[in-house]
Amino acid sequence: MAKPTAKVKRAWITQYEAAFFYTLDQILRNDENAEEFSEFHAQAKRLTAAQLHVVAKYASEYFVEKANPNPGKVPENKIGGLMKEAIGEALKRIANDEQA
């Protein structure tokens, strides 16, 4: 399969960004649907809404890169783990941004 173009990757990132922001919102609300992400609650709680949007963007970039060449074809049993990994990496990245 050919590598996706930059335009296609950007579209995927935009699409997944909304999903990650929704997940972060559910983490903050302690929603039972977000239980598997509960380890991120304390970190997410300290962030502003603008920072949460940046985290969602970073997470979606990470997710799309790791799910390459097609995020839509990630096996269902791997999505939660990859999302968790993406949020963890995004939270590290925003922490590094703040220190710089």
C-alpha atoms as a PDB file:
ATOM      1  CA  MET A   1       0.000   0.000   0.000  1.00  0.00           C
ATOM      2  CA  ALA A   2       1.284   3.437  -0.908  1.00  0.00           C
ATOM      3  CA  LYS A   3       2.065   5.894   1.848  1.00  0.00           C
ATOM      4  CA  PRO A   4      -0.702   8.425   2.441  1.00  0.00           C
ATOM      5  CA  THR A   5      -0.078  11.954   1.246  1.00  0.00           C
ATOM      6  CA  ALA A   6       0.530  14.773   3.698  1.00  0.00           C
ATOM      7  CA  LYS A   7      -2.976  16.066   2.942  1.00  0.00           C
ATOM      8  CA  VAL A   8      -4.528  12.707   3.822  1.00  0.00           C
ATOM      9  CA  LYS A   9      -2.500  12.468   7.043  1.00  0.00           C
ATOM     10  CA  ARG A  10      -3.582  16.001   7.990  1.00  0.00           C
ATOM     11  CA  ALA A  11      -7.233  15.019   7.460  1.00  0.00           C
ATOM     12  CA  TRP A  12      -6.804  11.945   9.669  1.00  0.00           C
ATOM     13  CA  ILE A  13      -5.122  14.024  12.366  1.00  0.00           C
ATOM     14  CA  THR A  14      -8.004  16.496  12.314  1.00  0.00           C
ATOM     15  CA  GLN A  15     -10.535  13.672  12.500  1.00  0.00           C
ATOM     16  CA  TYR A  16      -8.849  11.910  15.407  1.00  0.00           C
ATOM     17  CA  GLU A  17      -8.205  15.167  17.254  1.00  0.00           C
ATOM     18  CA  ALA A  18     -11.924  15.472  17.999  1.00  0.00           C
ATOM     19  CA  ALA A  19     -12.020  11.890  19.291  1.00  0.00           C
ATOM     20  CA  PHE A  20      -9.053  12.511  21.574  1.00  0.00           C
ATOM     21  CA  PHE A  21     -10.550  15.746  22.911  1.00  0.00           C
ATOM     22  CA  TYR A  22     -13.779  13.875  23.664  1.00  0.00           C
ATOM     23  CA  THR A  23     -11.779  11.169  25.459  1.00  0.00           C
ATOM     24  CA  LEU A  24      -9.931  13.805  27.524  1.00  0.00           C
ATOM     25  CA  ASP A  25     -13.256  15.402  28.414  1.00  0.00           C
ATOM     26  CA  GLN A  26     -14.559  12.024  29.587  1.00  0.00           C
ATOM     27  CA  ILE A  27     -11.392  11.495  31.643  1.00  0.00           C
ATOM     28  CA  LEU A  28     -12.000  14.820  33.392  1.00  0.00           C
ATOM     29  CA  ARG A  29     -15.618  13.900  34.087  1.00  0.00           C
ATOM     30  CA  ASN A  30     -14.530  10.536  35.530  1.00  0.00           C
ATOM     31  CA  ASP A  31     -16.859   8.884  33.058  1.00  0.00           C
ATOM     32  CA  GLU A  32     -16.914   5.099  33.418  1.00  0.00           C
ATOM     33  CA  ASN A  33     -16.281   4.890  29.667  1.00  0.00           C
ATOM     34  CA  ALA A  34     -12.889   6.462  30.300  1.00  0.00           C
ATOM     35  CA  GLU A  35     -11.856   4.137  33.158  1.00  0.00           C
ATOM     36  CA  GLU A  36      -8.997   2.665  31.177  1.00  0.00           C
ATOM     37  CA  PHE A  37      -7.571   6.192  30.885  1.00  0.00           C
ATOM     38  CA  SER A  38      -8.002   7.088  34.577  1.00  0.00           C
ATOM     39  CA  GLU A  39      -4.251   7.254  35.134  1.00  0.00           C
ATOM     40  CA  PHE A  40      -4.274  10.500  33.143  1.00  0.00           C
ATOM     41  CA  HIS A  41      -6.994  12.167  35.228  1.00  0.00           C
ATOM     42  CA  ALA A  42      -4.684  14.125  37.568  1.00  0.00           C
ATOM     43  CA  GLN A  43      -2.520  15.388  34.716  1.00  0.00           C
ATOM     44  CA  ALA A  44      -5.482  16.369  32.553  1.00  0.00           C
ATOM     45  CA  LYS A  45      -7.190  18.136  35.448  1.00  0.00           C
ATOM     46  CA  ARG A  46      -4.284  20.605  35.721  1.00  0.00           C
ATOM     47  CA  LEU A  47      -4.596  21.685  32.085  1.00  0.00           C
ATOM     48  CA  THR A  48      -6.611  24.533  30.619  1.00  0.00           C
ATOM     49  CA  ALA A  49      -9.105  23.933  27.819  1.00  0.00           C
ATOM     50  CA  ALA A  50      -6.594  25.346  25.332  1.00  0.00           C
ATOM     51  CA  GLN A  51      -3.919  22.964  26.600  1.00  0.00           C
ATOM     52  CA  LEU A  52      -6.342  20.039  26.355  1.00  0.00           C
ATOM     53  CA  HIS A  53      -6.886  20.913  22.696  1.00  0.00           C
ATOM     54  CA  VAL A  54      -3.110  20.857  22.175  1.00  0.00           C
ATOM     55  CA  VAL A  55      -2.890  17.487  23.926  1.00  0.00           C
ATOM     56  CA  ALA A  56      -5.663  16.169  21.661  1.00  0.00           C
ATOM     57  CA  LYS A  57      -3.743  17.443  18.621  1.00  0.00           C
ATOM     58  CA  TYR A  58      -0.480  15.869  19.781  1.00  0.00           C
ATOM     59  CA  ALA A  59      -2.246  12.592  20.595  1.00  0.00           C
ATOM     60  CA  SER A  60      -3.910  12.462  17.199  1.00  0.00           C
ATOM     61  CA  GLU A  61      -0.590  13.135  15.453  1.00  0.00           C
ATOM     62  CA  TYR A  62       1.006  10.310  17.424  1.00  0.00           C
ATOM     63  CA  PHE A  63      -1.919   7.967  16.775  1.00  0.00           C
ATOM     64  CA  VAL A  64      -1.893   8.603  13.021  1.00  0.00           C
ATOM     65  CA  GLU A  65       1.875   8.154  12.842  1.00  0.00           C
ATOM     66  CA  LYS A  66       1.827   4.871  14.774  1.00  0.00           C
ATOM     67  CA  ALA A  67      -1.233   3.566  12.921  1.00  0.00           C
ATOM     68  CA  ASN A  68       0.425   4.262   9.574  1.00  0.00           C
ATOM     69  CA  PRO A  69      -0.386   3.567   6.779  1.00  0.00           C
ATOM     70  CA  ASN A  70      -4.118   3.598   7.625  1.00  0.00           C
ATOM     71  CA  PRO A  71      -5.505   4.398  11.100  1.00  0.00           C
ATOM     72  CA  GLY A  72      -8.897   3.075  10.065  1.00  0.00           C
ATOM     73  CA  LYS A  73      -7.443  -0.415   9.758  1.00  0.00           C
ATOM     74  CA  VAL A  74      -6.030  -0.695  13.269  1.00  0.00           C
ATOM     75  CA  PRO A  75      -7.503  -3.864  14.807  1.00  0.00           C
ATOM     76  CA  GLU A  76     -10.245  -3.026  17.278  1.00  0.00           C
ATOM     77  CA  ASN A  77      -8.452  -4.821  20.115  1.00  0.00           C
ATOM     78  CA  LYS A  78      -5.397  -2.552  19.617  1.00  0.00           C
ATOM     79  CA  ILE A  79      -7.155   0.833  19.448  1.00  0.00           C
ATOM     80  CA  GLY A  80      -7.509   1.373  23.222  1.00  0.00           C
ATOM     81  CA  GLY A  81      -3.858   0.605  23.858  1.00  0.00           C
ATOM     82  CA  LEU A  82      -2.713   2.849  21.048  1.00  0.00           C
ATOM     83  CA  MET A  83      -4.988   5.668  22.245  1.00  0.00           C
ATOM     84  CA  LYS A  84      -3.627   5.298  25.770  1.00  0.00           C
ATOM     85  CA  GLU A  85      -0.069   5.387  24.458  1.00  0.00           C
ATOM     86  CA  ALA A  86      -0.885   8.469  22.334  1.00  0.00           C
ATOM     87  CA  ILE A  87      -2.396  10.380  25.271  1.00  0.00           C
ATOM     88  CA  GLY A  88       0.569   9.496  27.486  1.00  0.00           C
ATOM     89  CA  GLU A  89       3.030  10.708  24.863  1.00  0.00           C
ATOM     90  CA  ALA A  90       0.991  13.869  24.255  1.00  0.00           C
ATOM     91  CA  LEU A  91       0.952  14.708  27.977  1.00  0.00           C
ATOM     92  CA  LYS A  92       4.740  14.243  28.100  1.00  0.00           C
ATOM     93  CA  ARG A  93       5.134  16.450  25.044  1.00  0.00           C
ATOM     94  CA  ILE A  94       3.039  19.301  26.463  1.00  0.00           C
ATOM     95  CA  ALA A  95       4.972  19.085  29.742  1.00  0.00           C
ATOM     96  CA  ASN A  96       8.199  19.429  27.766  1.00  0.00           C
ATOM     97  CA  ASP A  97       6.728  22.378  25.831  1.00  0.00           C
ATOM     98  CA  GLU A  98       5.961  24.142  29.118  1.00  0.00           C
ATOM     99  CA  GLN A  99       9.484  23.602  30.418  1.00  0.00           C
ATOM    100  CA  ALA A 100      11.072  25.042  27.287  1.00  0.00           C
END
